[in-house]
């Protein structure tokens, strides 16, 4: 998590329906951060949990730029 970006845009591979939300690490092949999400993908719950989790973890607001219905998402710190 020390190398996680603190500003700008970044790519995330989200895995919904996990036991807890946590950053797994960097995926070199996909050039993205792997993040497990402790919420199901239905009704946008995983996206909401992803935003809350990252915002709380880094004490900065985060928004999804693209990939609302995909596991591959581009986000940015505000």
N, C-alpha and C. Protein backbone atom coordinates (compact mmCIF):
# COMPACT_ATOMS: atom_id res chain seq x y z
N UNK A 1 0.83 -1.19 0.00
CA UNK A 1 0.00 0.00 0.00
C UNK A 1 0.87 1.26 0.00
N UNK A 2 2.14 1.12 0.33
CA UNK A 2 3.02 2.28 0.35
C UNK A 2 3.19 2.91 -1.02
N UNK A 3 3.06 2.11 -2.09
CA UNK A 3 3.24 2.62 -3.43
C UNK A 3 1.94 3.06 -4.09
N UNK A 4 0.83 2.96 -3.37
CA UNK A 4 -0.46 3.35 -3.91
C UNK A 4 -0.42 4.84 -4.21
N UNK A 5 -0.93 5.28 -5.36
CA UNK A 5 -0.87 6.71 -5.70
C UNK A 5 -1.64 7.56 -4.69
N UNK A 6 -1.19 8.77 -4.49
CA UNK A 6 -1.88 9.66 -3.55
C UNK A 6 -2.58 10.80 -4.26
N UNK A 7 -2.44 10.86 -5.58
CA UNK A 7 -3.13 11.88 -6.36
C UNK A 7 -3.30 11.38 -7.78
N UNK A 8 -4.18 12.05 -8.52
CA UNK A 8 -4.37 11.71 -9.92
C UNK A 8 -5.23 10.48 -10.15
N UNK A 9 -5.16 9.96 -11.37
CA UNK A 9 -5.97 8.80 -11.78
C UNK A 9 -5.18 7.51 -11.59
N UNK A 10 -5.92 6.43 -11.35
CA UNK A 10 -5.31 5.13 -11.21
C UNK A 10 -6.31 4.05 -11.59
N UNK A 11 -5.78 2.87 -11.93
CA UNK A 11 -6.59 1.75 -12.40
C UNK A 11 -6.72 0.71 -11.29
N UNK A 12 -7.93 0.16 -11.15
CA UNK A 12 -8.22 -0.83 -10.12
C UNK A 12 -8.90 -2.04 -10.75
N UNK A 13 -8.51 -3.23 -10.32
CA UNK A 13 -9.21 -4.46 -10.65
C UNK A 13 -9.99 -4.84 -9.40
N UNK A 14 -11.29 -4.66 -9.43
CA UNK A 14 -12.12 -4.88 -8.26
C UNK A 14 -12.67 -6.30 -8.23
N UNK A 15 -12.64 -6.90 -7.06
CA UNK A 15 -13.22 -8.23 -6.87
C UNK A 15 -14.30 -8.11 -5.80
N UNK A 16 -15.57 -8.07 -6.21
CA UNK A 16 -16.67 -7.91 -5.25
C UNK A 16 -16.98 -9.20 -4.48
N UNK A 17 -17.83 -9.07 -3.48
CA UNK A 17 -18.33 -10.20 -2.68
C UNK A 17 -17.24 -10.93 -1.90
N UNK A 18 -16.26 -10.20 -1.40
CA UNK A 18 -15.21 -10.80 -0.57
C UNK A 18 -15.58 -10.63 0.90
N UNK A 19 -14.83 -11.27 1.77
CA UNK A 19 -15.14 -11.20 3.20
C UNK A 19 -14.89 -9.82 3.79
N UNK A 20 -13.94 -9.07 3.23
CA UNK A 20 -13.65 -7.71 3.70
C UNK A 20 -13.04 -6.90 2.56
N UNK A 21 -13.05 -5.59 2.71
CA UNK A 21 -12.44 -4.72 1.70
C UNK A 21 -10.98 -4.53 2.05
N UNK A 22 -10.11 -4.79 1.06
CA UNK A 22 -8.68 -4.59 1.29
C UNK A 22 -7.95 -4.49 -0.04
N UNK A 23 -6.82 -3.81 0.00
CA UNK A 23 -5.96 -3.68 -1.17
C UNK A 23 -5.03 -4.88 -1.16
N UNK A 24 -5.07 -5.66 -2.23
CA UNK A 24 -4.26 -6.87 -2.33
C UNK A 24 -2.85 -6.54 -2.79
N UNK A 25 -2.72 -5.65 -3.75
CA UNK A 25 -1.41 -5.28 -4.25
C UNK A 25 -1.45 -4.91 -5.72
N UNK A 26 -0.28 -4.72 -6.28
CA UNK A 26 -0.12 -4.29 -7.67
C UNK A 26 -0.14 -5.50 -8.59
N UNK A 27 -0.89 -5.41 -9.67
CA UNK A 27 -0.94 -6.45 -10.70
C UNK A 27 -0.13 -5.95 -11.88
N UNK A 28 1.07 -6.47 -12.02
CA UNK A 28 1.99 -6.00 -13.05
C UNK A 28 1.45 -6.26 -14.46
N UNK A 29 0.82 -7.40 -14.66
CA UNK A 29 0.31 -7.76 -15.98
C UNK A 29 -0.75 -6.77 -16.47
N UNK A 30 -1.66 -6.37 -15.58
CA UNK A 30 -2.73 -5.45 -15.95
C UNK A 30 -2.43 -3.99 -15.63
N UNK A 31 -1.30 -3.75 -15.01
CA UNK A 31 -0.90 -2.38 -14.61
C UNK A 31 -2.03 -1.73 -13.80
N UNK A 32 -2.49 -2.46 -12.77
CA UNK A 32 -3.61 -1.98 -11.95
C UNK A 32 -3.46 -2.49 -10.52
N UNK A 33 -4.15 -1.82 -9.61
CA UNK A 33 -4.20 -2.25 -8.22
C UNK A 33 -5.34 -3.25 -8.06
N UNK A 34 -5.09 -4.37 -7.39
CA UNK A 34 -6.13 -5.37 -7.07
C UNK A 34 -6.74 -5.00 -5.73
N UNK A 35 -8.06 -4.87 -5.73
CA UNK A 35 -8.78 -4.51 -4.51
C UNK A 35 -9.94 -5.47 -4.32
N UNK A 36 -10.00 -6.11 -3.15
CA UNK A 36 -11.14 -6.95 -2.80
C UNK A 36 -12.17 -6.06 -2.12
N UNK A 37 -13.45 -6.26 -2.47
CA UNK A 37 -14.53 -5.43 -1.96
C UNK A 37 -15.48 -6.30 -1.15
N UNK A 38 -15.79 -5.87 0.06
CA UNK A 38 -16.68 -6.62 0.95
C UNK A 38 -18.14 -6.30 0.72
N UNK A 39 -18.55 -6.20 -0.52
CA UNK A 39 -19.95 -5.94 -0.87
C UNK A 39 -20.22 -6.60 -2.22
N UNK A 40 -21.46 -7.04 -2.43
CA UNK A 40 -21.80 -7.67 -3.71
C UNK A 40 -21.89 -6.65 -4.84
N UNK A 41 -21.79 -7.14 -6.05
CA UNK A 41 -21.83 -6.25 -7.22
C UNK A 41 -23.24 -5.74 -7.53
N UNK A 42 -24.29 -6.34 -6.95
CA UNK A 42 -25.65 -5.90 -7.31
C UNK A 42 -25.99 -4.53 -6.74
N UNK A 43 -26.83 -3.84 -7.48
CA UNK A 43 -27.35 -2.52 -7.09
C UNK A 43 -26.25 -1.51 -6.77
N UNK A 44 -25.10 -1.61 -7.44
CA UNK A 44 -24.03 -0.63 -7.28
C UNK A 44 -23.36 -0.68 -5.90
N UNK A 45 -23.65 -1.71 -5.11
CA UNK A 45 -23.12 -1.79 -3.74
C UNK A 45 -21.59 -1.88 -3.71
N UNK A 46 -21.01 -2.64 -4.63
CA UNK A 46 -19.55 -2.78 -4.65
C UNK A 46 -18.87 -1.45 -5.01
N UNK A 47 -19.44 -0.70 -5.95
CA UNK A 47 -18.87 0.60 -6.31
C UNK A 47 -18.92 1.56 -5.12
N UNK A 48 -20.03 1.58 -4.42
CA UNK A 48 -20.17 2.46 -3.26
C UNK A 48 -19.17 2.07 -2.18
N UNK A 49 -19.04 0.77 -1.93
CA UNK A 49 -18.08 0.30 -0.92
C UNK A 49 -16.65 0.61 -1.33
N UNK A 50 -16.33 0.47 -2.61
CA UNK A 50 -14.98 0.79 -3.10
C UNK A 50 -14.65 2.25 -2.84
N UNK A 51 -15.57 3.13 -3.17
CA UNK A 51 -15.35 4.57 -2.95
C UNK A 51 -15.19 4.87 -1.46
N UNK A 52 -16.08 4.33 -0.63
CA UNK A 52 -15.99 4.55 0.82
C UNK A 52 -14.67 4.02 1.38
N UNK A 53 -14.32 2.80 0.98
CA UNK A 53 -13.10 2.17 1.49
C UNK A 53 -11.85 2.97 1.13
N UNK A 54 -11.70 3.33 -0.14
CA UNK A 54 -10.51 4.07 -0.56
C UNK A 54 -10.48 5.48 0.03
N UNK A 55 -11.64 6.13 0.09
CA UNK A 55 -11.71 7.48 0.68
C UNK A 55 -11.31 7.45 2.15
N UNK A 56 -11.78 6.46 2.88
CA UNK A 56 -11.45 6.33 4.30
C UNK A 56 -9.97 5.96 4.48
N UNK A 57 -9.49 5.04 3.66
CA UNK A 57 -8.10 4.57 3.77
C UNK A 57 -7.09 5.69 3.52
N UNK A 58 -7.38 6.56 2.57
CA UNK A 58 -6.41 7.60 2.20
C UNK A 58 -6.82 9.00 2.63
N UNK A 59 -7.97 9.09 3.31
CA UNK A 59 -8.46 10.38 3.82
C UNK A 59 -8.55 11.43 2.72
N UNK A 60 -8.99 10.96 1.54
CA UNK A 60 -9.22 11.83 0.38
C UNK A 60 -10.45 11.33 -0.33
N UNK A 61 -11.18 12.24 -0.97
CA UNK A 61 -12.33 11.82 -1.75
C UNK A 61 -11.87 11.12 -3.03
N UNK A 62 -12.61 10.10 -3.41
CA UNK A 62 -12.32 9.32 -4.60
C UNK A 62 -13.58 9.25 -5.45
N UNK A 63 -13.41 9.24 -6.76
CA UNK A 63 -14.58 9.02 -7.63
C UNK A 63 -14.19 8.06 -8.74
N UNK A 64 -15.19 7.34 -9.24
CA UNK A 64 -14.98 6.43 -10.36
C UNK A 64 -15.13 7.23 -11.65
N UNK A 65 -14.10 7.22 -12.46
CA UNK A 65 -14.09 7.95 -13.73
C UNK A 65 -14.73 7.11 -14.82
N UNK A 66 -14.40 5.81 -14.86
CA UNK A 66 -15.01 4.90 -15.82
C UNK A 66 -14.96 3.48 -15.28
N UNK A 67 -15.86 2.64 -15.80
CA UNK A 67 -15.90 1.25 -15.40
C UNK A 67 -16.95 0.93 -14.35
N UNK A 68 -18.02 1.69 -14.31
CA UNK A 68 -19.06 1.47 -13.30
C UNK A 68 -19.61 0.05 -13.33
N UNK A 69 -19.73 -0.55 -14.50
CA UNK A 69 -20.30 -1.89 -14.59
C UNK A 69 -19.24 -2.94 -14.93
N UNK A 70 -17.97 -2.60 -14.73
CA UNK A 70 -16.87 -3.49 -15.05
C UNK A 70 -16.02 -3.75 -13.81
N UNK A 71 -15.28 -4.84 -13.80
CA UNK A 71 -14.32 -5.09 -12.72
C UNK A 71 -13.12 -4.16 -12.85
N UNK A 72 -12.82 -3.74 -14.08
CA UNK A 72 -11.71 -2.83 -14.34
C UNK A 72 -12.25 -1.41 -14.25
N UNK A 73 -11.71 -0.65 -13.33
CA UNK A 73 -12.21 0.71 -13.09
C UNK A 73 -11.05 1.71 -13.10
N UNK A 74 -11.35 2.88 -13.57
CA UNK A 74 -10.41 4.00 -13.46
C UNK A 74 -10.99 4.96 -12.44
N UNK A 75 -10.18 5.30 -11.44
CA UNK A 75 -10.61 6.19 -10.37
C UNK A 75 -9.65 7.37 -10.30
N UNK A 76 -10.08 8.37 -9.55
CA UNK A 76 -9.18 9.50 -9.31
C UNK A 76 -9.45 10.09 -7.95
N UNK A 77 -8.38 10.63 -7.35
CA UNK A 77 -8.51 11.36 -6.10
C UNK A 77 -8.94 12.78 -6.43
N UNK A 78 -9.81 13.34 -5.62
CA UNK A 78 -10.28 14.71 -5.84
C UNK A 78 -9.54 15.68 -4.95
